Amino acid sequence: MGIRIGNIGIDTNDLGRSVAFWQNVTGYKVSSSGDDSTYLEDPESNGVGLSLLVVPEGKQGKNRLHLDLFTPDLPGEIARLKGLGATEVKAHDGWTVLADPDGNQFCVCEG
């Protein structure tokens, strides 16, 4: 297969609290940070990255944790995943949001 897990995005309403929590859980270090997001990476470069993303809404219908799957063949993987039962939620330049058969959203990104 030509796909791997590259990053896990976690939505939050309190970036500082979430950064502190996930750093303590994982031992990851801040790689980059802005007003509305922080990227944590494994200092040993063994694990996938974590992106903590500020959102205005609280947890309701949208899952607050999603996978970002990276592939060098975005169109091919999108087609393959749709063939497995995924549905397209929204396409962006360089990445597409899909939903699994249960409606859990994840992203497929070039890379």
C-alpha atoms as a PDB file:
ATOM      1  CA  MET A   1       0.000   0.000   0.000  1.00  0.00           C
ATOM      2  CA  GLY A   2       1.098   3.577  -0.639  1.00  0.00           C
ATOM      3  CA  ILE A   3      -0.283   5.230   2.478  1.00  0.00           C
ATOM      4  CA  ARG A   4       0.915   5.869   6.017  1.00  0.00           C
ATOM      5  CA  ILE A   5      -0.316   7.768   9.071  1.00  0.00           C
ATOM      6  CA  GLY A   6       1.592  11.062   9.100  1.00  0.00           C
ATOM      7  CA  ASN A   7      -0.197  13.255  11.638  1.00  0.00           C
ATOM      8  CA  ILE A   8      -3.073  13.185  14.118  1.00  0.00           C
ATOM      9  CA  GLY A   9      -5.144  16.368  14.461  1.00  0.00           C
ATOM     10  CA  ILE A  10      -6.946  17.094  17.705  1.00  0.00           C
ATOM     11  CA  ASP A  11      -9.513  19.897  17.984  1.00  0.00           C
ATOM     12  CA  THR A  12      -9.532  21.938  21.176  1.00  0.00           C
ATOM     13  CA  ASN A  13     -11.142  24.975  22.759  1.00  0.00           C
ATOM     14  CA  ASP A  14      -8.112  25.699  24.973  1.00  0.00           C
ATOM     15  CA  LEU A  15      -4.811  25.464  23.111  1.00  0.00           C
ATOM     16  CA  GLY A  16      -2.541  26.025  26.105  1.00  0.00           C
ATOM     17  CA  ARG A  17      -4.236  23.345  28.173  1.00  0.00           C
ATOM     18  CA  SER A  18      -4.171  20.877  25.279  1.00  0.00           C
ATOM     19  CA  VAL A  19      -0.506  21.535  24.453  1.00  0.00           C
ATOM     20  CA  ALA A  20       0.490  20.965  28.078  1.00  0.00           C
ATOM     21  CA  PHE A  21      -1.625  17.814  28.328  1.00  0.00           C
ATOM     22  CA  TRP A  22      -0.366  16.183  25.111  1.00  0.00           C
ATOM     23  CA  GLN A  23       3.257  17.123  25.813  1.00  0.00           C
ATOM     24  CA  ASN A  24       2.953  15.424  29.187  1.00  0.00           C
ATOM     25  CA  VAL A  25       1.242  12.391  27.695  1.00  0.00           C
ATOM     26  CA  THR A  26       3.696  11.911  24.811  1.00  0.00           C
ATOM     27  CA  GLY A  27       6.926  13.677  25.704  1.00  0.00           C
ATOM     28  CA  TYR A  28       6.659  15.418  22.325  1.00  0.00           C
ATOM     29  CA  LYS A  29       8.212  18.840  21.769  1.00  0.00           C
ATOM     30  CA  VAL A  30       6.655  21.919  20.144  1.00  0.00           C
ATOM     31  CA  SER A  31       7.811  22.091  16.538  1.00  0.00           C
ATOM     32  CA  SER A  32       5.756  25.112  15.507  1.00  0.00           C
ATOM     33  CA  SER A  33       3.015  27.177  17.062  1.00  0.00           C
ATOM     34  CA  GLY A  34       0.652  30.021  16.243  1.00  0.00           C
ATOM     35  CA  ASP A  35      -2.451  31.645  17.681  1.00  0.00           C
ATOM     36  CA  ASP A  36      -4.746  28.839  16.569  1.00  0.00           C
ATOM     37  CA  SER A  37      -2.543  25.755  16.283  1.00  0.00           C
ATOM     38  CA  THR A  38       0.477  23.985  17.688  1.00  0.00           C
ATOM     39  CA  TYR A  39       2.369  21.124  16.105  1.00  0.00           C
ATOM     40  CA  LEU A  40       4.054  18.599  18.388  1.00  0.00           C
ATOM     41  CA  GLU A  41       6.602  16.096  17.174  1.00  0.00           C
ATOM     42  CA  ASP A  42       8.371  13.104  18.601  1.00  0.00           C
ATOM     43  CA  PRO A  43      11.917  14.196  19.572  1.00  0.00           C
ATOM     44  CA  GLU A  44      13.133  10.718  18.568  1.00  0.00           C
ATOM     45  CA  SER A  45      11.342  10.973  15.185  1.00  0.00           C
ATOM     46  CA  ASN A  46       9.665   7.600  15.735  1.00  0.00           C
ATOM     47  CA  GLY A  47       6.024   8.573  16.214  1.00  0.00           C
ATOM     48  CA  VAL A  48       3.496  10.465  14.150  1.00  0.00           C
ATOM     49  CA  GLY A  49       3.034  14.186  14.807  1.00  0.00           C
ATOM     50  CA  LEU A  50       0.165  15.793  16.688  1.00  0.00           C
ATOM     51  CA  SER A  51      -1.530  18.988  15.520  1.00  0.00           C
ATOM     52  CA  LEU A  52      -3.601  20.770  18.144  1.00  0.00           C
ATOM     53  CA  LEU A  53      -6.129  23.019  16.456  1.00  0.00           C
ATOM     54  CA  VAL A  54      -8.348  25.645  18.108  1.00  0.00           C
ATOM     55  CA  VAL A  55     -12.002  25.453  17.094  1.00  0.00           C
ATOM     56  CA  PRO A  56     -14.856  27.656  18.324  1.00  0.00           C
ATOM     57  CA  GLU A  57     -17.388  24.870  18.865  1.00  0.00           C
ATOM     58  CA  GLY A  58     -17.459  22.366  21.691  1.00  0.00           C
ATOM     59  CA  LYS A  59     -17.649  18.640  21.037  1.00  0.00           C
ATOM     60  CA  GLN A  60     -20.921  17.833  19.339  1.00  0.00           C
ATOM     61  CA  GLY A  61     -21.310  15.835  16.149  1.00  0.00           C
ATOM     62  CA  LYS A  62     -17.837  16.328  14.659  1.00  0.00           C
ATOM     63  CA  ASN A  63     -15.175  14.029  15.982  1.00  0.00           C
ATOM     64  CA  ARG A  64     -12.440  15.937  17.815  1.00  0.00           C
ATOM     65  CA  LEU A  65      -9.705  13.512  16.817  1.00  0.00           C
ATOM     66  CA  HIS A  66      -8.960  12.568  13.228  1.00  0.00           C
ATOM     67  CA  LEU A  67      -6.206  10.919  11.272  1.00  0.00           C
ATOM     68  CA  ASP A  68      -4.209  12.637   8.546  1.00  0.00           C
ATOM     69  CA  LEU A  69      -3.062   9.972   6.115  1.00  0.00           C
ATOM     70  CA  PHE A  70      -0.166  10.892   3.813  1.00  0.00           C
ATOM     71  CA  THR A  71       0.365   9.472   0.336  1.00  0.00           C
ATOM     72  CA  PRO A  72       2.430  10.310  -2.746  1.00  0.00           C
ATOM     73  CA  ASP A  73      -0.601   9.360  -4.899  1.00  0.00           C
ATOM     74  CA  LEU A  74      -3.503  11.488  -3.647  1.00  0.00           C
ATOM     75  CA  PRO A  75      -5.953  10.776  -6.514  1.00  0.00           C
ATOM     76  CA  GLY A  76      -5.184   7.063  -6.476  1.00  0.00           C
ATOM     77  CA  GLU A  77      -5.615   6.735  -2.722  1.00  0.00           C
ATOM     78  CA  ILE A  78      -8.832   8.773  -2.741  1.00  0.00           C
ATOM     79  CA  ALA A  79     -10.242   6.396  -5.371  1.00  0.00           C
ATOM     80  CA  ARG A  80      -9.031   3.322  -3.465  1.00  0.00           C
ATOM     81  CA  LEU A  81     -10.508   4.530  -0.169  1.00  0.00           C
ATOM     82  CA  LYS A  82     -13.831   5.390  -1.808  1.00  0.00           C
ATOM     83  CA  GLY A  83     -13.821   1.867  -3.184  1.00  0.00           C
ATOM     84  CA  LEU A  84     -13.479   0.589   0.361  1.00  0.00           C
ATOM     85  CA  GLY A  85     -16.569   2.561   1.439  1.00  0.00           C
ATOM     86  CA  ALA A  86     -15.238   6.026   2.333  1.00  0.00           C
ATOM     87  CA  THR A  87     -17.268   9.047   1.269  1.00  0.00           C
ATOM     88  CA  GLU A  88     -15.847  12.431   0.275  1.00  0.00           C
ATOM     89  CA  VAL A  89     -16.723  15.287   2.606  1.00  0.00           C
ATOM     90  CA  LYS A  90     -14.691  18.119   1.062  1.00  0.00           C
ATOM     91  CA  ALA A  91     -11.748  18.472  -1.313  1.00  0.00           C
ATOM     92  CA  HIS A  92      -9.020  21.055  -0.769  1.00  0.00           C
ATOM     93  CA  ASP A  93      -5.838  21.855  -2.673  1.00  0.00           C
ATOM     94  CA  GLY A  94      -3.434  19.083  -1.638  1.00  0.00           C
ATOM     95  CA  TRP A  95      -5.778  17.245   0.718  1.00  0.00           C
ATOM     96  CA  THR A  96      -9.258  15.780   0.936  1.00  0.00           C
ATOM     97  CA  VAL A  97     -11.549  15.131   3.892  1.00  0.00           C
ATOM     98  CA  LEU A  98     -13.191  11.715   3.778  1.00  0.00           C
ATOM     99  CA  ALA A  99     -15.537   9.898   6.139  1.00  0.00           C
ATOM    100  CA  ASP A 100     -15.361   6.214   6.964  1.00  0.00           C
ATOM    101  CA  PRO A 101     -18.523   4.097   6.793  1.00  0.00           C
ATOM    102  CA  ASP A 102     -19.424   5.168  10.342  1.00  0.00           C
ATOM    103  CA  GLY A 103     -19.067   8.861   9.469  1.00  0.00           C
ATOM    104  CA  ASN A 104     -15.721   9.417  11.251  1.00  0.00           C
ATOM    105  CA  GLN A 105     -13.799  12.018   9.295  1.00  0.00           C
ATOM    106  CA  PHE A 106     -10.134  11.806   8.314  1.00  0.00           C
ATOM    107  CA  CYS A 107      -7.880  13.603   5.841  1.00  0.00           C
ATOM    108  CA  VAL A 108      -5.837  12.228   2.989  1.00  0.00           C
ATOM    109  CA  CYS A 109      -2.932  14.540   2.152  1.00  0.00           C
ATOM    110  CA  GLU A 110      -0.216  14.724  -0.483  1.00  0.00           C
ATOM    111  CA  GLY A 111       3.128  13.786   0.987  1.00  0.00           C
END
